Amino acid sequence: MDFLIRLLRALGALLFAVLVCGVLYPALVTGLATVLPGARSADDFATPELAAENTNVGYDWRDTGLFEGRPAPEARKGASTGSNLALTNPVFAEDVQKRAALWRERVGGNEPVPVALVTASASGQDPDLPMRAAIYQIPYVARQTGLSPKRLDAIVHGVMRREMIRFGFERLVNVADLNAAVLAEMMKEGKTLSKPETHNRQETPS
């Protein structure tokens, strides 16, 4: 009898935890996310122009001809998550090498490719990028947008975040803010994006 009572209590506690953590909490968070100021839906990221207005969530800027953020694993596209591959995993190393080769082809020269451009963030939705990774992309973006490298460099430094207290040693830029500024400058100069230099997206989740 005592065993049955303990079992029922345990099942009751489990049911309560499932109800609160698996139903009520997700429903509350989802509801608040749709009504609070700044709420966004998938439609708000349908084009680069719309995505440039959304600065809190990372956007897949590949093949737009604009500045790109940290890569999102293709196998996890659409999910708010990063990679689960260890640094010693051969698949991870292969993906990093492919991404590095792509950027060296785009940019040219012998400068090392910034780590942020070849590895995904922990969340897979990082909206920010280290300054060095943004500056590295300038030759590529200059070809695609028709803006001069000097002007793009000024835009990158113009949108650089200037927090009084920051973590890490390198300044960051918000990629959406950066691309919004690039699009505004292109409109001002009457320029349009060139046909983007596409690449194979068949990547594993790294």
C-alpha atoms as a PDB file:
ATOM      1  CA  MET A   1       0.000   0.000   0.000  1.00  0.00           C
ATOM      2  CA  ASP A   2       2.812   2.382   0.901  1.00  0.00           C
ATOM      3  CA  PHE A   3       4.479   1.588  -2.412  1.00  0.00           C
ATOM      4  CA  LEU A   4       1.302   2.430  -4.335  1.00  0.00           C
ATOM      5  CA  ILE A   5       0.954   5.753  -2.506  1.00  0.00           C
ATOM      6  CA  ARG A   6       4.585   6.657  -3.260  1.00  0.00           C
ATOM      7  CA  LEU A   7       4.092   5.661  -6.896  1.00  0.00           C
ATOM      8  CA  LEU A   8       0.988   7.831  -7.240  1.00  0.00           C
ATOM      9  CA  ARG A   9       2.791  10.774  -5.651  1.00  0.00           C
ATOM     10  CA  ALA A  10       5.707  10.343  -8.038  1.00  0.00           C
ATOM     11  CA  LEU A  11       3.390  10.147 -11.043  1.00  0.00           C
ATOM     12  CA  GLY A  12       1.562  13.236  -9.810  1.00  0.00           C
ATOM     13  CA  ALA A  13       4.820  15.161  -9.487  1.00  0.00           C
ATOM     14  CA  LEU A  14       5.858  14.017 -12.974  1.00  0.00           C
ATOM     15  CA  LEU A  15       2.525  15.070 -14.466  1.00  0.00           C
ATOM     16  CA  PHE A  16       2.763  18.453 -12.751  1.00  0.00           C
ATOM     17  CA  ALA A  17       6.303  19.010 -14.072  1.00  0.00           C
ATOM     18  CA  VAL A  18       5.286  18.035 -17.620  1.00  0.00           C
ATOM     19  CA  LEU A  19       2.275  20.346 -17.492  1.00  0.00           C
ATOM     20  CA  VAL A  20       4.246  23.332 -16.198  1.00  0.00           C
ATOM     21  CA  CYS A  21       7.503  22.901 -18.115  1.00  0.00           C
ATOM     22  CA  GLY A  22       6.183  21.278 -21.278  1.00  0.00           C
ATOM     23  CA  VAL A  23       2.871  23.081 -21.791  1.00  0.00           C
ATOM     24  CA  LEU A  24       2.284  26.200 -19.697  1.00  0.00           C
ATOM     25  CA  TYR A  25       5.793  27.690 -19.855  1.00  0.00           C
ATOM     26  CA  PRO A  26       6.260  27.241 -23.659  1.00  0.00           C
ATOM     27  CA  ALA A  27       2.750  28.617 -24.253  1.00  0.00           C
ATOM     28  CA  LEU A  28       3.475  31.654 -22.074  1.00  0.00           C
ATOM     29  CA  VAL A  29       6.824  32.390 -23.749  1.00  0.00           C
ATOM     30  CA  THR A  30       5.408  31.911 -27.251  1.00  0.00           C
ATOM     31  CA  GLY A  31       2.429  34.140 -26.448  1.00  0.00           C
ATOM     32  CA  LEU A  32       4.610  36.917 -25.056  1.00  0.00           C
ATOM     33  CA  ALA A  33       6.949  36.670 -28.063  1.00  0.00           C
ATOM     34  CA  THR A  34       4.046  37.414 -30.403  1.00  0.00           C
ATOM     35  CA  VAL A  35       2.600  40.419 -28.553  1.00  0.00           C
ATOM     36  CA  LEU A  36       5.542  42.232 -26.981  1.00  0.00           C
ATOM     37  CA  PRO A  37       7.105  45.220 -28.819  1.00  0.00           C
ATOM     38  CA  GLY A  38       9.688  44.089 -31.339  1.00  0.00           C
ATOM     39  CA  ALA A  39       7.999  40.737 -31.954  1.00  0.00           C
ATOM     40  CA  ARG A  40       9.040  39.138 -35.242  1.00  0.00           C
ATOM     41  CA  SER A  41       7.795  36.336 -37.458  1.00  0.00           C
ATOM     42  CA  ALA A  42       9.346  34.417 -40.341  1.00  0.00           C
ATOM     43  CA  ASP A  43       7.776  36.877 -42.788  1.00  0.00           C
ATOM     44  CA  ASP A  44       9.961  39.637 -41.327  1.00  0.00           C
ATOM     45  CA  PHE A  45      13.037  37.843 -42.700  1.00  0.00           C
ATOM     46  CA  ALA A  46      11.707  37.072 -46.165  1.00  0.00           C
ATOM     47  CA  THR A  47      14.145  39.393 -47.968  1.00  0.00           C
ATOM     48  CA  PRO A  48      17.527  40.963 -47.139  1.00  0.00           C
ATOM     49  CA  GLU A  49      15.828  44.364 -46.941  1.00  0.00           C
ATOM     50  CA  LEU A  50      13.358  43.125 -44.309  1.00  0.00           C
ATOM     51  CA  ALA A  51      16.020  41.154 -42.449  1.00  0.00           C
ATOM     52  CA  ALA A  52      18.128  44.313 -42.195  1.00  0.00           C
ATOM     53  CA  GLU A  53      15.388  45.789 -40.010  1.00  0.00           C
ATOM     54  CA  ASN A  54      15.650  42.935 -37.491  1.00  0.00           C
ATOM     55  CA  THR A  55      18.763  43.300 -35.399  1.00  0.00           C
ATOM     56  CA  ASN A  56      18.220  40.851 -32.550  1.00  0.00           C
ATOM     57  CA  VAL A  57      18.199  37.568 -34.456  1.00  0.00           C
ATOM     58  CA  GLY A  58      20.803  36.300 -36.877  1.00  0.00           C
ATOM     59  CA  TYR A  59      19.793  35.959 -40.536  1.00  0.00           C
ATOM     60  CA  ASP A  60      21.255  33.720 -43.220  1.00  0.00           C
ATOM     61  CA  TRP A  61      22.929  36.390 -45.396  1.00  0.00           C
ATOM     62  CA  ARG A  62      24.591  33.877 -47.708  1.00  0.00           C
ATOM     63  CA  ASP A  63      24.215  34.501 -51.419  1.00  0.00           C
ATOM     64  CA  THR A  64      22.828  38.030 -50.906  1.00  0.00           C
ATOM     65  CA  GLY A  65      26.014  39.862 -51.901  1.00  0.00           C
ATOM     66  CA  LEU A  66      26.017  41.671 -48.556  1.00  0.00           C
ATOM     67  CA  PHE A  67      28.025  41.131 -45.380  1.00  0.00           C
ATOM     68  CA  GLU A  68      27.517  37.665 -43.937  1.00  0.00           C
ATOM     69  CA  GLY A  69      27.254  36.665 -40.296  1.00  0.00           C
ATOM     70  CA  ARG A  70      28.498  33.512 -38.671  1.00  0.00           C
ATOM     71  CA  PRO A  71      27.553  30.404 -40.668  1.00  0.00           C
ATOM     72  CA  ALA A  72      24.436  28.480 -39.698  1.00  0.00           C
ATOM     73  CA  PRO A  73      24.697  24.712 -40.193  1.00  0.00           C
ATOM     74  CA  GLU A  74      22.558  23.797 -43.198  1.00  0.00           C
ATOM     75  CA  ALA A  75      21.209  20.646 -41.574  1.00  0.00           C
ATOM     76  CA  ARG A  76      19.878  22.770 -38.715  1.00  0.00           C
ATOM     77  CA  LYS A  77      18.586  25.647 -40.836  1.00  0.00           C
ATOM     78  CA  GLY A  78      15.387  27.068 -39.376  1.00  0.00           C
ATOM     79  CA  ALA A  79      16.185  25.808 -35.878  1.00  0.00           C
ATOM     80  CA  SER A  80      17.588  28.024 -33.158  1.00  0.00           C
ATOM     81  CA  THR A  81      20.598  25.903 -32.390  1.00  0.00           C
ATOM     82  CA  GLY A  82      24.260  25.607 -33.209  1.00  0.00           C
ATOM     83  CA  SER A  83      26.590  22.698 -33.782  1.00  0.00           C
ATOM     84  CA  ASN A  84      27.026  19.624 -31.629  1.00  0.00           C
ATOM     85  CA  LEU A  85      30.263  18.444 -33.278  1.00  0.00           C
ATOM     86  CA  ALA A  86      33.443  18.396 -31.202  1.00  0.00           C
ATOM     87  CA  LEU A  87      36.538  20.264 -32.375  1.00  0.00           C
ATOM     88  CA  THR A  88      38.241  16.916 -32.905  1.00  0.00           C
ATOM     89  CA  ASN A  89      35.481  15.624 -35.171  1.00  0.00           C
ATOM     90  CA  PRO A  90      36.797  15.125 -38.744  1.00  0.00           C
ATOM     91  CA  VAL A  91      33.478  16.365 -40.178  1.00  0.00           C
ATOM     92  CA  PHE A  92      33.835  19.628 -38.267  1.00  0.00           C
ATOM     93  CA  ALA A  93      37.393  20.092 -39.536  1.00  0.00           C
ATOM     94  CA  GLU A  94      36.290  19.382 -43.109  1.00  0.00           C
ATOM     95  CA  ASP A  95      33.480  21.947 -42.930  1.00  0.00           C
ATOM     96  CA  VAL A  96      35.816  24.602 -41.535  1.00  0.00           C
ATOM     97  CA  GLN A  97      38.306  23.951 -44.333  1.00  0.00           C
ATOM     98  CA  LYS A  98      35.566  24.245 -46.982  1.00  0.00           C
ATOM     99  CA  ARG A  99      34.312  27.531 -45.568  1.00  0.00           C
ATOM    100  CA  ALA A 100      37.842  28.900 -45.308  1.00  0.00           C
ATOM    101  CA  ALA A 101      38.565  27.939 -48.928  1.00  0.00           C
ATOM    102  CA  LEU A 102      35.376  29.689 -50.039  1.00  0.00           C
ATOM    103  CA  TRP A 103      36.327  32.939 -48.315  1.00  0.00           C
ATOM    104  CA  ARG A 104      39.893  32.829 -49.611  1.00  0.00           C
ATOM    105  CA  GLU A 105      38.465  32.446 -53.124  1.00  0.00           C
ATOM    106  CA  ARG A 106      36.088  35.351 -52.604  1.00  0.00           C
ATOM    107  CA  VAL A 107      38.527  37.748 -50.970  1.00  0.00           C
ATOM    108  CA  GLY A 108      41.895  36.703 -52.370  1.00  0.00           C
ATOM    109  CA  GLY A 109      45.229  37.281 -50.701  1.00  0.00           C
ATOM    110  CA  ASN A 110      46.918  35.302 -47.962  1.00  0.00           C
ATOM    111  CA  GLU A 111      45.282  36.866 -44.915  1.00  0.00           C
ATOM    112  CA  PRO A 112      43.954  34.213 -42.496  1.00  0.00           C
ATOM    113  CA  VAL A 113      40.179  33.815 -42.592  1.00  0.00           C
ATOM    114  CA  PRO A 114      38.621  34.987 -39.286  1.00  0.00           C
ATOM    115  CA  VAL A 115      37.374  32.146 -37.120  1.00  0.00           C
ATOM    116  CA  ALA A 116      33.910  33.724 -36.888  1.00  0.00           C
ATOM    117  CA  LEU A 117      33.370  33.196 -40.626  1.00  0.00           C
ATOM    118  CA  VAL A 118      34.054  29.471 -40.558  1.00  0.00           C
ATOM    119  CA  THR A 119      32.463  28.349 -37.269  1.00  0.00           C
ATOM    120  CA  ALA A 120      28.825  28.618 -36.185  1.00  0.00           C
ATOM    121  CA  SER A 121      27.835  30.350 -32.962  1.00  0.00           C
ATOM    122  CA  ALA A 122      26.559  28.366 -29.984  1.00  0.00           C
ATOM    123  CA  SER A 123      22.976  29.450 -30.688  1.00  0.00           C
ATOM    124  CA  GLY A 124      23.180  29.307 -34.470  1.00  0.00           C
ATOM    125  CA  GLN A 125      21.391  32.685 -34.510  1.00  0.00           C
ATOM    126  CA  ASP A 126      24.139  35.151 -33.564  1.00  0.00           C
ATOM    127  CA  PRO A 127      23.273  38.632 -34.933  1.00  0.00           C
ATOM    128  CA  ASP A 128      26.735  40.074 -34.262  1.00  0.00           C
ATOM    129  CA  LEU A 129      30.131  39.659 -35.854  1.00  0.00           C
ATOM    130  CA  PRO A 130      33.635  40.654 -34.702  1.00  0.00           C
ATOM    131  CA  MET A 131      35.003  43.740 -36.440  1.00  0.00           C
ATOM    132  CA  ARG A 132      37.867  41.806 -38.045  1.00  0.00           C
ATOM    133  CA  ALA A 133      35.427  39.367 -39.660  1.00  0.00           C
ATOM    134  CA  ALA A 134      33.401  42.234 -41.119  1.00  0.00           C
ATOM    135  CA  ILE A 135      36.440  44.094 -42.421  1.00  0.00           C
ATOM    136  CA  TYR A 136      37.755  40.883 -43.988  1.00  0.00           C
ATOM    137  CA  GLN A 137      34.646  40.695 -46.199  1.00  0.00           C
ATOM    138  CA  ILE A 138      35.021  44.210 -47.647  1.00  0.00           C
ATOM    139  CA  PRO A 139      36.686  43.205 -50.971  1.00  0.00           C
ATOM    140  CA  TYR A 140      33.898  40.711 -51.671  1.00  0.00           C
ATOM    141  CA  VAL A 141      31.070  43.075 -50.686  1.00  0.00           C
ATOM    142  CA  ALA A 142      32.664  45.888 -52.722  1.00  0.00           C
ATOM    143  CA  ARG A 143      32.444  43.758 -55.864  1.00  0.00           C
ATOM    144  CA  GLN A 144      28.846  42.813 -55.197  1.00  0.00           C
ATOM    145  CA  THR A 145      27.533  46.250 -54.233  1.00  0.00           C
ATOM    146  CA  GLY A 146      29.660  48.582 -56.346  1.00  0.00           C
ATOM    147  CA  LEU A 147      30.593  50.594 -53.249  1.00  0.00           C
ATOM    148  CA  SER A 148      34.257  51.431 -52.758  1.00  0.00           C
ATOM    149  CA  PRO A 149      36.254  49.513 -50.127  1.00  0.00           C
ATOM    150  CA  LYS A 150      37.027  52.827 -48.421  1.00  0.00           C
ATOM    151  CA  ARG A 151      33.324  53.649 -48.122  1.00  0.00           C
ATOM    152  CA  LEU A 152      32.506  50.170 -46.840  1.00  0.00           C
ATOM    153  CA  ASP A 153      35.263  50.423 -44.249  1.00  0.00           C
ATOM    154  CA  ALA A 154      33.746  53.690 -43.045  1.00  0.00           C
ATOM    155  CA  ILE A 155      30.312  52.057 -42.825  1.00  0.00           C
ATOM    156  CA  VAL A 156      31.688  49.130 -40.813  1.00  0.00           C
ATOM    157  CA  HIS A 157      33.336  51.475 -38.317  1.00  0.00           C
ATOM    158  CA  GLY A 158      30.226  53.641 -38.266  1.00  0.00           C
ATOM    159  CA  VAL A 159      27.977  50.848 -37.012  1.00  0.00           C
ATOM    160  CA  MET A 160      30.549  49.392 -34.619  1.00  0.00           C
ATOM    161  CA  ARG A 161      29.053  48.788 -31.206  1.00  0.00           C
ATOM    162  CA  ARG A 162      30.491  51.020 -28.503  1.00  0.00           C
ATOM    163  CA  GLU A 163      29.363  49.490 -25.217  1.00  0.00           C
ATOM    164  CA  MET A 164      30.809  50.969 -22.056  1.00  0.00           C
ATOM    165  CA  ILE A 165      31.099  47.429 -20.697  1.00  0.00           C
ATOM    166  CA  ARG A 166      31.740  44.590 -23.103  1.00  0.00           C
ATOM    167  CA  PHE A 167      32.828  40.980 -22.947  1.00  0.00           C
ATOM    168  CA  GLY A 168      35.787  39.815 -24.983  1.00  0.00           C
ATOM    169  CA  PHE A 169      38.573  41.853 -26.525  1.00  0.00           C
ATOM    170  CA  GLU A 170      37.157  42.711 -29.935  1.00  0.00           C
ATOM    171  CA  ARG A 171      34.507  45.210 -30.929  1.00  0.00           C
ATOM    172  CA  LEU A 172      31.378  43.822 -32.572  1.00  0.00           C
ATOM    173  CA  VAL A 173      29.095  44.922 -35.386  1.00  0.00           C
ATOM    174  CA  ASN A 174      25.467  43.949 -35.778  1.00  0.00           C
ATOM    175  CA  VAL A 175      25.233  42.394 -39.242  1.00  0.00           C
ATOM    176  CA  ALA A 176      21.649  43.589 -39.800  1.00  0.00           C
ATOM    177  CA  ASP A 177      22.609  47.162 -38.875  1.00  0.00           C
ATOM    178  CA  LEU A 178      25.642  46.914 -41.125  1.00  0.00           C
ATOM    179  CA  ASN A 179      23.705  45.661 -44.139  1.00  0.00           C
ATOM    180  CA  ALA A 180      20.939  48.198 -43.579  1.00  0.00           C
ATOM    181  CA  ALA A 181      23.589  50.937 -43.790  1.00  0.00           C
ATOM    182  CA  VAL A 182      25.057  49.343 -46.940  1.00  0.00           C
ATOM    183  CA  LEU A 183      21.632  49.139 -48.605  1.00  0.00           C
ATOM    184  CA  ALA A 184      20.930  52.781 -47.702  1.00  0.00           C
ATOM    185  CA  GLU A 185      24.243  53.881 -49.196  1.00  0.00           C
ATOM    186  CA  MET A 186      23.589  51.881 -52.357  1.00  0.00           C
ATOM    187  CA  MET A 187      20.183  53.511 -52.729  1.00  0.00           C
ATOM    188  CA  LYS A 188      21.751  56.913 -52.259  1.00  0.00           C
ATOM    189  CA  GLU A 189      24.302  56.217 -55.004  1.00  0.00           C
ATOM    190  CA  GLY A 190      21.773  54.497 -57.279  1.00  0.00           C
ATOM    191  CA  LYS A 191      23.557  51.126 -57.200  1.00  0.00           C
ATOM    192  CA  THR A 192      22.089  47.644 -57.298  1.00  0.00           C
ATOM    193  CA  LEU A 193      23.411  44.311 -56.106  1.00  0.00           C
ATOM    194  CA  SER A 194      25.309  42.195 -58.588  1.00  0.00           C
ATOM    195  CA  LYS A 195      24.320  38.575 -59.086  1.00  0.00           C
ATOM    196  CA  PRO A 196      25.649  36.969 -55.895  1.00  0.00           C
ATOM    197  CA  GLU A 197      28.523  34.515 -56.020  1.00  0.00           C
ATOM    198  CA  THR A 198      26.712  31.390 -54.850  1.00  0.00           C
ATOM    199  CA  HIS A 199      28.284  28.326 -53.326  1.00  0.00           C
ATOM    200  CA  ASN A 200      27.303  24.786 -52.480  1.00  0.00           C
ATOM    201  CA  ARG A 201      25.200  24.681 -49.327  1.00  0.00           C
ATOM    202  CA  GLN A 202      25.392  20.961 -48.783  1.00  0.00           C
ATOM    203  CA  GLU A 203      26.956  21.156 -45.343  1.00  0.00           C
ATOM    204  CA  THR A 204      26.804  18.893 -42.364  1.00  0.00           C
ATOM    205  CA  PRO A 205      25.673  20.254 -38.971  1.00  0.00           C
ATOM    206  CA  SER A 206      28.893  21.860 -37.717  1.00  0.00           C
END
